[in-house]
Amino acid sequence: MIESVLRATLLGLQLGMTLALIAAGLTLIFGMLDVINFAHGALYMLGAYFGTVVAGQLGSFWLALVLAPLMVGLVGAAIEIFSLRPLYDRNPLYHILLTFGVAIMIQGAIIEIWGAQSMQIPVPDLLSGSVSVGPVSYPIYWLFVLGVSTLLIAVVWLAIERSDLGILMRASAHDTEMVSALGIDVSKVFTGVFVFGAVLAGVAGVLLGGSRSVHPGMGFGIIIETFIVVVIGGLGSFRGAVYAALLIGLVTAYGALIAPTLTDLFLFAMMAIVLMAKPSGLFGATEAA
């Protein structure tokens, strides 16, 4: 029993931190640009597919982990510049409909290019096998995913809270006119935020593509979990997104251990309870203030 709980805990932490990467990008885009990006799951899926191509053509998982997210970032830049930028002053419903349409187009393009069959990113020998964590034998690759995700989340938090770039991002979101008056091109800042969020989604796609199957439906599956994270944590709250992602990862892992068929019920029930107790999410009101 202790071994099962420990394994579920490690799995929950790994799932939670990887989900936090995706949710962090979605939260940054909403918090800075005020855009609800339904195409974020599709960008995560593109990261997995680009990773499969790079790893297959160049024979290197490490190059895939670097190049695939950058390729997703280029796609994100195109989405922001050519479609979202003209709609920033419009009703948020326009953003939702547009990004949802972009997600559908990306999924269609993936099916057209790669087909509907499942694939997987090959894991290097260095990360294959298992290691003992106490009484549990745990896959090395899953520990690698946990470590990389945790490191990236820490770096992103430091960049937002402690760096000049983070101050510029927050200032551009809160007082666009003042930042523009200082001679800074706010549109480039917004593009950079969107690209950065897309790159985080791409990294998560490559990481999970090494342990899960890569298929055309994975984008819509992950976006549901990501929005649950964002709603529970609080819209626009980076800290809330990380805490909520860890909570959902652990609930998913423990739910699979206790009642596998009721895991989704646990997640939606938890979201309902949080919304009834605090409609703004766990950290939404505080961060907004």
C-alpha atoms as a PDB file:
ATOM      1  CA  MET A   1       0.000   0.000   0.000  1.00  0.00           C
ATOM      2  CA  ILE A   2       2.804   2.432   0.901  1.00  0.00           C
ATOM      3  CA  GLU A   3       4.558   1.688  -2.386  1.00  0.00           C
ATOM      4  CA  SER A   4       1.359   2.390  -4.351  1.00  0.00           C
ATOM      5  CA  VAL A   5       0.802   5.702  -2.546  1.00  0.00           C
ATOM      6  CA  LEU A   6       4.423   6.777  -3.088  1.00  0.00           C
ATOM      7  CA  ARG A   7       4.265   5.868  -6.777  1.00  0.00           C
ATOM      8  CA  ALA A   8       0.970   7.758  -7.140  1.00  0.00           C
ATOM      9  CA  THR A   9       2.500  10.770  -5.397  1.00  0.00           C
ATOM     10  CA  LEU A  10       5.508  10.865  -7.727  1.00  0.00           C
ATOM     11  CA  LEU A  11       3.249  10.414 -10.743  1.00  0.00           C
ATOM     12  CA  GLY A  12       0.918  13.149  -9.504  1.00  0.00           C
ATOM     13  CA  LEU A  13       3.794  15.578  -9.028  1.00  0.00           C
ATOM     14  CA  GLN A  14       5.126  14.802 -12.498  1.00  0.00           C
ATOM     15  CA  LEU A  15       1.701  15.232 -14.103  1.00  0.00           C
ATOM     16  CA  GLY A  16       1.077  18.381 -12.106  1.00  0.00           C
ATOM     17  CA  MET A  17       4.338  20.113 -13.008  1.00  0.00           C
ATOM     18  CA  THR A  18       3.967  19.252 -16.699  1.00  0.00           C
ATOM     19  CA  LEU A  19       0.401  20.544 -16.630  1.00  0.00           C
ATOM     20  CA  ALA A  20       1.706  23.654 -14.872  1.00  0.00           C
ATOM     21  CA  LEU A  21       3.949  24.356 -17.889  1.00  0.00           C
ATOM     22  CA  ILE A  22       0.934  24.404 -20.171  1.00  0.00           C
ATOM     23  CA  ALA A  23      -1.271  26.307 -17.732  1.00  0.00           C
ATOM     24  CA  ALA A  24       1.487  28.851 -17.055  1.00  0.00           C
ATOM     25  CA  GLY A  25       1.607  29.801 -20.725  1.00  0.00           C
ATOM     26  CA  LEU A  26      -2.171  30.043 -20.910  1.00  0.00           C
ATOM     27  CA  THR A  27      -2.256  32.141 -17.728  1.00  0.00           C
ATOM     28  CA  LEU A  28       0.463  34.508 -18.948  1.00  0.00           C
ATOM     29  CA  ILE A  29      -1.377  35.064 -22.219  1.00  0.00           C
ATOM     30  CA  PHE A  30      -4.640  35.802 -20.421  1.00  0.00           C
ATOM     31  CA  GLY A  31      -3.062  37.901 -17.684  1.00  0.00           C
ATOM     32  CA  MET A  32      -0.994  40.056 -20.039  1.00  0.00           C
ATOM     33  CA  LEU A  33      -3.083  40.097 -23.234  1.00  0.00           C
ATOM     34  CA  ASP A  34      -6.559  39.450 -21.794  1.00  0.00           C
ATOM     35  CA  VAL A  35      -7.014  36.677 -24.372  1.00  0.00           C
ATOM     36  CA  ILE A  36      -8.583  33.290 -23.608  1.00  0.00           C
ATOM     37  CA  ASN A  37      -6.505  31.147 -25.940  1.00  0.00           C
ATOM     38  CA  PHE A  38      -8.369  27.994 -26.937  1.00  0.00           C
ATOM     39  CA  ALA A  39      -5.574  27.205 -29.410  1.00  0.00           C
ATOM     40  CA  HIS A  40      -3.124  26.596 -26.564  1.00  0.00           C
ATOM     41  CA  GLY A  41      -3.821  22.859 -26.552  1.00  0.00           C
ATOM     42  CA  ALA A  42      -3.169  22.760 -30.291  1.00  0.00           C
ATOM     43  CA  LEU A  43       0.206  24.452 -29.735  1.00  0.00           C
ATOM     44  CA  TYR A  44       1.031  21.785 -27.155  1.00  0.00           C
ATOM     45  CA  MET A  45       0.090  19.152 -29.726  1.00  0.00           C
ATOM     46  CA  LEU A  46       2.270  20.837 -32.355  1.00  0.00           C
ATOM     47  CA  GLY A  47       5.182  20.652 -29.929  1.00  0.00           C
ATOM     48  CA  ALA A  48       4.735  16.897 -29.668  1.00  0.00           C
ATOM     49  CA  TYR A  49       4.511  16.447 -33.450  1.00  0.00           C
ATOM     50  CA  PHE A  50       7.441  18.744 -34.189  1.00  0.00           C
ATOM     51  CA  GLY A  51       9.404  16.848 -31.548  1.00  0.00           C
ATOM     52  CA  THR A  52       8.571  13.573 -33.273  1.00  0.00           C
ATOM     53  CA  VAL A  53       9.779  14.924 -36.613  1.00  0.00           C
ATOM     54  CA  VAL A  54      13.011  16.432 -35.264  1.00  0.00           C
ATOM     55  CA  ALA A  55      13.849  13.350 -33.197  1.00  0.00           C
ATOM     56  CA  GLY A  56      13.097  11.098 -36.164  1.00  0.00           C
ATOM     57  CA  GLN A  57      15.012  13.113 -38.767  1.00  0.00           C
ATOM     58  CA  LEU A  58      18.003  14.174 -36.663  1.00  0.00           C
ATOM     59  CA  GLY A  59      18.025  11.213 -34.297  1.00  0.00           C
ATOM     60  CA  SER A  60      18.305  13.364 -31.177  1.00  0.00           C
ATOM     61  CA  PHE A  61      15.757  13.790 -28.409  1.00  0.00           C
ATOM     62  CA  TRP A  62      17.776  16.716 -27.025  1.00  0.00           C
ATOM     63  CA  LEU A  63      17.587  18.634 -30.285  1.00  0.00           C
ATOM     64  CA  ALA A  64      13.859  17.925 -30.368  1.00  0.00           C
ATOM     65  CA  LEU A  65      13.502  19.362 -26.860  1.00  0.00           C
ATOM     66  CA  VAL A  66      15.168  22.587 -28.030  1.00  0.00           C
ATOM     67  CA  LEU A  67      14.063  22.995 -31.648  1.00  0.00           C
ATOM     68  CA  ALA A  68      10.434  21.845 -31.459  1.00  0.00           C
ATOM     69  CA  PRO A  69       9.348  24.491 -28.881  1.00  0.00           C
ATOM     70  CA  LEU A  70      11.074  27.186 -30.968  1.00  0.00           C
ATOM     71  CA  MET A  71       9.112  26.023 -34.009  1.00  0.00           C
ATOM     72  CA  VAL A  72       5.916  26.220 -31.961  1.00  0.00           C
ATOM     73  CA  GLY A  73       6.945  29.734 -30.928  1.00  0.00           C
ATOM     74  CA  LEU A  74       7.129  30.758 -34.596  1.00  0.00           C
ATOM     75  CA  VAL A  75       3.613  29.415 -35.141  1.00  0.00           C
ATOM     76  CA  GLY A  76       2.484  31.313 -32.039  1.00  0.00           C
ATOM     77  CA  ALA A  77       4.016  34.522 -33.407  1.00  0.00           C
ATOM     78  CA  ALA A  78       2.112  34.090 -36.667  1.00  0.00           C
ATOM     79  CA  ILE A  79      -1.157  33.511 -34.783  1.00  0.00           C
ATOM     80  CA  GLU A  80      -0.699  36.616 -32.626  1.00  0.00           C
ATOM     81  CA  ILE A  81       0.474  38.966 -35.380  1.00  0.00           C
ATOM     82  CA  PHE A  82      -1.906  38.012 -38.174  1.00  0.00           C
ATOM     83  CA  SER A  83      -5.073  37.083 -36.295  1.00  0.00           C
ATOM     84  CA  LEU A  84      -5.208  38.184 -32.651  1.00  0.00           C
ATOM     85  CA  ARG A  85      -3.543  41.596 -32.865  1.00  0.00           C
ATOM     86  CA  PRO A  86      -6.373  43.222 -34.889  1.00  0.00           C
ATOM     87  CA  LEU A  87      -8.925  41.976 -32.318  1.00  0.00           C
ATOM     88  CA  TYR A  88      -7.431  43.202 -29.025  1.00  0.00           C
ATOM     89  CA  ASP A  89     -10.007  45.979 -28.674  1.00  0.00           C
ATOM     90  CA  ARG A  90     -12.922  43.702 -29.510  1.00  0.00           C
ATOM     91  CA  ASN A  91     -15.234  41.709 -27.263  1.00  0.00           C
ATOM     92  CA  PRO A  92     -13.426  38.673 -25.697  1.00  0.00           C
ATOM     93  CA  LEU A  93     -15.901  36.430 -27.503  1.00  0.00           C
ATOM     94  CA  TYR A  94     -14.037  37.227 -30.729  1.00  0.00           C
ATOM     95  CA  HIS A  95     -10.816  35.900 -29.168  1.00  0.00           C
ATOM     96  CA  ILE A  96     -12.519  32.685 -28.052  1.00  0.00           C
ATOM     97  CA  LEU A  97     -14.088  32.003 -31.443  1.00  0.00           C
ATOM     98  CA  LEU A  98     -10.895  32.861 -33.305  1.00  0.00           C
ATOM     99  CA  THR A  99      -8.556  30.726 -31.199  1.00  0.00           C
ATOM    100  CA  PHE A 100     -11.040  27.839 -31.219  1.00  0.00           C
ATOM    101  CA  GLY A 101     -11.092  28.036 -35.015  1.00  0.00           C
ATOM    102  CA  VAL A 102      -7.283  28.116 -35.102  1.00  0.00           C
ATOM    103  CA  ALA A 103      -7.193  24.985 -32.939  1.00  0.00           C
ATOM    104  CA  ILE A 104      -9.488  23.177 -35.361  1.00  0.00           C
ATOM    105  CA  MET A 105      -7.366  24.259 -38.333  1.00  0.00           C
ATOM    106  CA  ILE A 106      -4.160  23.076 -36.659  1.00  0.00           C
ATOM    107  CA  GLN A 107      -5.738  19.714 -35.881  1.00  0.00           C
ATOM    108  CA  GLY A 108      -6.904  19.388 -39.489  1.00  0.00           C
ATOM    109  CA  ALA A 109      -3.455  20.274 -40.794  1.00  0.00           C
ATOM    110  CA  ILE A 110      -1.853  17.676 -38.511  1.00  0.00           C
ATOM    111  CA  ILE A 111      -4.202  14.947 -39.760  1.00  0.00           C
ATOM    112  CA  GLU A 112      -3.512  15.986 -43.348  1.00  0.00           C
ATOM    113  CA  ILE A 113       0.284  15.946 -42.892  1.00  0.00           C
ATOM    114  CA  TRP A 114       0.882  13.109 -40.424  1.00  0.00           C
ATOM    115  CA  GLY A 115      -2.356  11.138 -40.570  1.00  0.00           C
ATOM    116  CA  ALA A 116      -4.489   9.944 -37.667  1.00  0.00           C
ATOM    117  CA  GLN A 117      -2.190   7.199 -36.409  1.00  0.00           C
ATOM    118  CA  SER A 118      -0.474   7.495 -33.026  1.00  0.00           C
ATOM    119  CA  MET A 119       3.260   8.105 -32.714  1.00  0.00           C
ATOM    120  CA  GLN A 120       5.767   8.576 -29.902  1.00  0.00           C
ATOM    121  CA  ILE A 121       8.991  10.510 -29.425  1.00  0.00           C
ATOM    122  CA  PRO A 122      11.894   8.073 -28.885  1.00  0.00           C
ATOM    123  CA  VAL A 123      13.534   8.480 -25.484  1.00  0.00           C
ATOM    124  CA  PRO A 124      17.381   8.396 -25.327  1.00  0.00           C
ATOM    125  CA  ASP A 125      19.084   5.469 -23.631  1.00  0.00           C
ATOM    126  CA  LEU A 126      20.305   7.810 -20.892  1.00  0.00           C
ATOM    127  CA  LEU A 127      16.703   8.310 -19.750  1.00  0.00           C
ATOM    128  CA  SER A 128      15.479   4.753 -20.218  1.00  0.00           C
ATOM    129  CA  GLY A 129      15.103   2.246 -17.416  1.00  0.00           C
ATOM    130  CA  SER A 130      14.105   2.781 -13.798  1.00  0.00           C
ATOM    131  CA  VAL A 131      15.634   3.977 -10.558  1.00  0.00           C
ATOM    132  CA  SER A 132      14.771   3.138  -6.959  1.00  0.00           C
ATOM    133  CA  VAL A 133      13.009   5.902  -5.016  1.00  0.00           C
ATOM    134  CA  GLY A 134      12.702   4.396  -1.577  1.00  0.00           C
ATOM    135  CA  PRO A 135      10.768   1.141  -1.967  1.00  0.00           C
ATOM    136  CA  VAL A 136       9.480   2.130  -5.427  1.00  0.00           C
ATOM    137  CA  SER A 137      11.049   1.491  -8.817  1.00  0.00           C
ATOM    138  CA  TYR A 138      10.254   4.598 -10.852  1.00  0.00           C
ATOM    139  CA  PRO A 139      11.025   5.381 -14.540  1.00  0.00           C
ATOM    140  CA  ILE A 140      14.022   7.663 -14.987  1.00  0.00           C
ATOM    141  CA  TYR A 141      12.267   9.545 -17.789  1.00  0.00           C
ATOM    142  CA  TRP A 142       9.359  10.510 -15.530  1.00  0.00           C
ATOM    143  CA  LEU A 143      11.800  11.870 -12.959  1.00  0.00           C
ATOM    144  CA  PHE A 144      13.516  13.792 -15.762  1.00  0.00           C
ATOM    145  CA  VAL A 145      10.176  15.306 -16.813  1.00  0.00           C
ATOM    146  CA  LEU A 146       9.458  16.270 -13.200  1.00  0.00           C
ATOM    147  CA  GLY A 147      12.881  17.896 -12.803  1.00  0.00           C
ATOM    148  CA  VAL A 148      12.806  19.832 -16.092  1.00  0.00           C
ATOM    149  CA  SER A 149       9.232  21.044 -15.523  1.00  0.00           C
ATOM    150  CA  THR A 150      10.032  22.207 -11.987  1.00  0.00           C
ATOM    151  CA  LEU A 151      13.169  24.023 -13.157  1.00  0.00           C
ATOM    152  CA  LEU A 152      11.335  25.807 -15.970  1.00  0.00           C
ATOM    153  CA  ILE A 153       8.477  26.879 -13.695  1.00  0.00           C
ATOM    154  CA  ALA A 154      11.013  28.308 -11.229  1.00  0.00           C
ATOM    155  CA  VAL A 155      12.824  30.180 -14.020  1.00  0.00           C
ATOM    156  CA  VAL A 156       9.556  31.599 -15.373  1.00  0.00           C
ATOM    157  CA  TRP A 157       8.501  32.753 -11.903  1.00  0.00           C
ATOM    158  CA  LEU A 158      11.841  34.488 -11.346  1.00  0.00           C
ATOM    159  CA  ALA A 159      11.635  36.112 -14.772  1.00  0.00           C
ATOM    160  CA  ILE A 160       8.154  37.478 -14.062  1.00  0.00           C
ATOM    161  CA  GLU A 161       8.722  38.605 -10.483  1.00  0.00           C
ATOM    162  CA  ARG A 162      12.380  39.656 -10.354  1.00  0.00           C
ATOM    163  CA  SER A 163      13.568  40.678 -13.825  1.00  0.00           C
ATOM    164  CA  ASP A 164      13.237  43.949 -15.753  1.00  0.00           C
ATOM    165  CA  LEU A 165      11.510  42.009 -18.516  1.00  0.00           C
ATOM    166  CA  GLY A 166       8.861  40.839 -16.062  1.00  0.00           C
ATOM    167  CA  ILE A 167       8.297  44.428 -14.905  1.00  0.00           C
ATOM    168  CA  LEU A 168       7.915  45.524 -18.533  1.00  0.00           C
ATOM    169  CA  MET A 169       5.414  42.743 -19.200  1.00  0.00           C
ATOM    170  CA  ARG A 170       3.277  43.654 -16.187  1.00  0.00           C
ATOM    171  CA  ALA A 171       3.460  47.367 -16.965  1.00  0.00           C
ATOM    172  CA  SER A 172       2.419  46.776 -20.580  1.00  0.00           C
ATOM    173  CA  ALA A 173      -0.607  44.815 -19.399  1.00  0.00           C
ATOM    174  CA  HIS A 174      -1.735  47.336 -16.747  1.00  0.00           C
ATOM    175  CA  ASP A 175      -0.994  50.668 -18.457  1.00  0.00           C
ATOM    176  CA  THR A 176      -0.479  50.280 -22.180  1.00  0.00           C
ATOM    177  CA  GLU A 177      -0.676  54.001 -22.924  1.00  0.00           C
ATOM    178  CA  MET A 178       2.005  54.959 -20.394  1.00  0.00           C
ATOM    179  CA  VAL A 179       4.408  52.265 -21.632  1.00  0.00           C
ATOM    180  CA  SER A 180       3.830  53.410 -25.222  1.00  0.00           C
ATOM    181  CA  ALA A 181       4.511  57.008 -24.180  1.00  0.00           C
ATOM    182  CA  LEU A 182       7.915  55.879 -22.917  1.00  0.00           C
ATOM    183  CA  GLY A 183       8.806  54.817 -26.462  1.00  0.00           C
ATOM    184  CA  ILE A 184       8.293  51.069 -26.032  1.00  0.00           C
ATOM    185  CA  ASP A 185       6.459  49.139 -28.734  1.00  0.00           C
ATOM    186  CA  VAL A 186       3.778  47.376 -26.684  1.00  0.00           C
ATOM    187  CA  SER A 187       2.702  45.252 -29.640  1.00  0.00           C
ATOM    188  CA  LYS A 188       6.141  43.592 -29.636  1.00  0.00           C
ATOM    189  CA  VAL A 189       5.823  42.932 -25.903  1.00  0.00           C
ATOM    190  CA  PHE A 190       2.447  41.284 -26.455  1.00  0.00           C
ATOM    191  CA  THR A 191       3.866  39.182 -29.283  1.00  0.00           C
ATOM    192  CA  GLY A 192       6.745  38.132 -27.046  1.00  0.00           C
ATOM    193  CA  VAL A 193       4.350  37.067 -24.278  1.00  0.00           C
ATOM    194  CA  PHE A 194       2.263  35.005 -26.685  1.00  0.00           C
ATOM    195  CA  VAL A 195       5.368  33.393 -28.188  1.00  0.00           C
ATOM    196  CA  PHE A 196       6.727  32.614 -24.721  1.00  0.00           C
ATOM    197  CA  GLY A 197       3.454  30.939 -23.737  1.00  0.00           C
ATOM    198  CA  ALA A 198       3.518  28.936 -26.968  1.00  0.00           C
ATOM    199  CA  VAL A 199       7.107  27.829 -26.311  1.00  0.00           C
ATOM    200  CA  LEU A 200       6.145  26.567 -22.838  1.00  0.00           C
ATOM    201  CA  ALA A 201       3.300  24.573 -24.391  1.00  0.00           C
ATOM    202  CA  GLY A 202       5.735  23.185 -26.970  1.00  0.00           C
ATOM    203  CA  VAL A 203       8.180  22.079 -24.272  1.00  0.00           C
ATOM    204  CA  ALA A 204       5.365  20.271 -22.473  1.00  0.00           C
ATOM    205  CA  GLY A 205       4.372  18.596 -25.742  1.00  0.00           C
ATOM    206  CA  VAL A 206       7.873  17.230 -26.290  1.00  0.00           C
ATOM    207  CA  LEU A 207       8.231  16.078 -22.680  1.00  0.00           C
ATOM    208  CA  LEU A 208       4.910  14.257 -22.619  1.00  0.00           C
ATOM    209  CA  GLY A 209       5.419  12.984 -26.166  1.00  0.00           C
ATOM    210  CA  GLY A 210       8.175  10.762 -24.816  1.00  0.00           C
ATOM    211  CA  SER A 211       5.862   9.004 -22.364  1.00  0.00           C
ATOM    212  CA  ARG A 212       2.441   9.306 -24.031  1.00  0.00           C
ATOM    213  CA  SER A 213       1.174   8.598 -27.507  1.00  0.00           C
ATOM    214  CA  VAL A 214       1.189  11.540 -29.901  1.00  0.00           C
ATOM    215  CA  HIS A 215      -2.140  11.730 -31.747  1.00  0.00           C
ATOM    216  CA  PRO A 216      -4.433  14.397 -33.290  1.00  0.00           C
ATOM    217  CA  GLY A 217      -6.853  14.417 -30.332  1.00  0.00           C
ATOM    218  CA  MET A 218      -4.310  15.169 -27.631  1.00  0.00           C
ATOM    219  CA  GLY A 219      -4.695  18.935 -27.932  1.00  0.00           C
ATOM    220  CA  PHE A 220      -8.384  19.048 -27.051  1.00  0.00           C
ATOM    221  CA  GLY A 221      -7.868  16.554 -24.233  1.00  0.00           C
ATOM    222  CA  ILE A 222      -5.183  18.639 -22.510  1.00  0.00           C
ATOM    223  CA  ILE A 223      -6.944  21.988 -22.967  1.00  0.00           C
ATOM    224  CA  ILE A 224      -9.847  20.804 -20.799  1.00  0.00           C
ATOM    225  CA  GLU A 225      -7.485  19.925 -17.949  1.00  0.00           C
ATOM    226  CA  THR A 226      -5.614  23.185 -18.455  1.00  0.00           C
ATOM    227  CA  PHE A 227      -8.731  25.309 -18.210  1.00  0.00           C
ATOM    228  CA  ILE A 228      -9.708  23.457 -15.033  1.00  0.00           C
ATOM    229  CA  VAL A 229      -6.288  24.422 -13.667  1.00  0.00           C
ATOM    230  CA  VAL A 230      -6.688  28.069 -14.660  1.00  0.00           C
ATOM    231  CA  VAL A 231     -10.223  28.313 -13.266  1.00  0.00           C
ATOM    232  CA  ILE A 232      -9.281  26.725  -9.937  1.00  0.00           C
ATOM    233  CA  GLY A 233      -6.082  28.745  -9.583  1.00  0.00           C
ATOM    234  CA  GLY A 234      -7.695  32.017 -10.651  1.00  0.00           C
ATOM    235  CA  LEU A 235      -7.675  33.659 -14.077  1.00  0.00           C
ATOM    236  CA  GLY A 236      -4.408  35.478 -14.644  1.00  0.00           C
ATOM    237  CA  SER A 237      -2.692  34.132 -11.519  1.00  0.00           C
ATOM    238  CA  PHE A 238       0.618  32.403 -12.282  1.00  0.00           C
ATOM    239  CA  ARG A 239       1.007  31.204  -8.703  1.00  0.00           C
ATOM    240  CA  GLY A 240      -2.555  29.895  -8.706  1.00  0.00           C
ATOM    241  CA  ALA A 241      -1.952  28.008 -11.957  1.00  0.00           C
ATOM    242  CA  VAL A 242       1.073  26.206 -10.487  1.00  0.00           C
ATOM    243  CA  TYR A 243      -0.672  25.289  -7.222  1.00  0.00           C
ATOM    244  CA  ALA A 244      -3.833  24.178  -9.007  1.00  0.00           C
ATOM    245  CA  ALA A 245      -1.825  22.093 -11.509  1.00  0.00           C
ATOM    246  CA  LEU A 246      -0.075  20.261  -8.666  1.00  0.00           C
ATOM    247  CA  LEU A 247      -3.414  19.713  -6.940  1.00  0.00           C
ATOM    248  CA  ILE A 248      -5.010  18.327 -10.091  1.00  0.00           C
ATOM    249  CA  GLY A 249      -2.008  16.121 -10.812  1.00  0.00           C
ATOM    250  CA  LEU A 250      -2.193  14.576  -7.355  1.00  0.00           C
ATOM    251  CA  VAL A 251      -5.982  14.185  -7.498  1.00  0.00           C
ATOM    252  CA  THR A 252      -5.650  12.474 -10.883  1.00  0.00           C
ATOM    253  CA  ALA A 253      -2.974  10.084  -9.617  1.00  0.00           C
ATOM    254  CA  TYR A 254      -4.748   9.251  -6.362  1.00  0.00           C
ATOM    255  CA  GLY A 255      -8.072   8.987  -8.186  1.00  0.00           C
ATOM    256  CA  ALA A 256      -6.580   6.466 -10.602  1.00  0.00           C
ATOM    257  CA  LEU A 257      -5.371   4.505  -7.579  1.00  0.00           C
ATOM    258  CA  ILE A 258      -8.685   4.581  -5.694  1.00  0.00           C
ATOM    259  CA  ALA A 259     -11.376   4.700  -8.404  1.00  0.00           C
ATOM    260  CA  PRO A 260      -9.999   4.944 -11.963  1.00  0.00           C
ATOM    261  CA  THR A 261     -13.421   5.356 -13.573  1.00  0.00           C
ATOM    262  CA  LEU A 262     -14.266   8.359 -11.365  1.00  0.00           C
ATOM    263  CA  THR A 263     -11.119  10.431 -11.928  1.00  0.00           C
ATOM    264  CA  ASP A 264     -12.833  12.963 -14.199  1.00  0.00           C
ATOM    265  CA  LEU A 265     -15.687  13.237 -11.712  1.00  0.00           C
ATOM    266  CA  PHE A 266     -13.199  14.106  -8.961  1.00  0.00           C
ATOM    267  CA  LEU A 267     -11.670  16.879 -11.077  1.00  0.00           C
ATOM    268  CA  PHE A 268     -14.943  18.529 -12.045  1.00  0.00           C
ATOM    269  CA  ALA A 269     -16.308  18.147  -8.520  1.00  0.00           C
ATOM    270  CA  MET A 270     -13.196  19.860  -7.159  1.00  0.00           C
ATOM    271  CA  MET A 271     -13.616  22.701  -9.656  1.00  0.00           C
ATOM    272  CA  ALA A 272     -17.270  23.103  -8.694  1.00  0.00           C
ATOM    273  CA  ILE A 273     -16.438  23.216  -4.976  1.00  0.00           C
ATOM    274  CA  VAL A 274     -13.727  25.853  -5.495  1.00  0.00           C
ATOM    275  CA  LEU A 275     -16.006  28.008  -7.656  1.00  0.00           C
ATOM    276  CA  MET A 276     -18.847  27.833  -5.138  1.00  0.00           C
ATOM    277  CA  ALA A 277     -16.526  28.756  -2.283  1.00  0.00           C
ATOM    278  CA  LYS A 278     -14.511  31.372  -4.219  1.00  0.00           C
ATOM    279  CA  PRO A 279     -15.786  32.229  -7.737  1.00  0.00           C
ATOM    280  CA  SER A 280     -12.549  34.070  -8.627  1.00  0.00           C
ATOM    281  CA  GLY A 281     -10.442  30.956  -7.977  1.00  0.00           C
ATOM    282  CA  LEU A 282      -7.926  30.290  -5.235  1.00  0.00           C
ATOM    283  CA  PHE A 283      -5.694  33.269  -6.013  1.00  0.00           C
ATOM    284  CA  GLY A 284      -7.690  35.231  -8.593  1.00  0.00           C
ATOM    285  CA  ALA A 285      -9.013  38.070  -6.449  1.00  0.00           C
ATOM    286  CA  THR A 286      -5.756  38.680  -4.598  1.00  0.00           C
ATOM    287  CA  GLU A 287      -3.608  38.887  -7.710  1.00  0.00           C
ATOM    288  CA  ALA A 288      -6.161  41.025  -9.544  1.00  0.00           C
ATOM    289  CA  ALA A 289      -6.157  43.517  -6.676  1.00  0.00           C
END
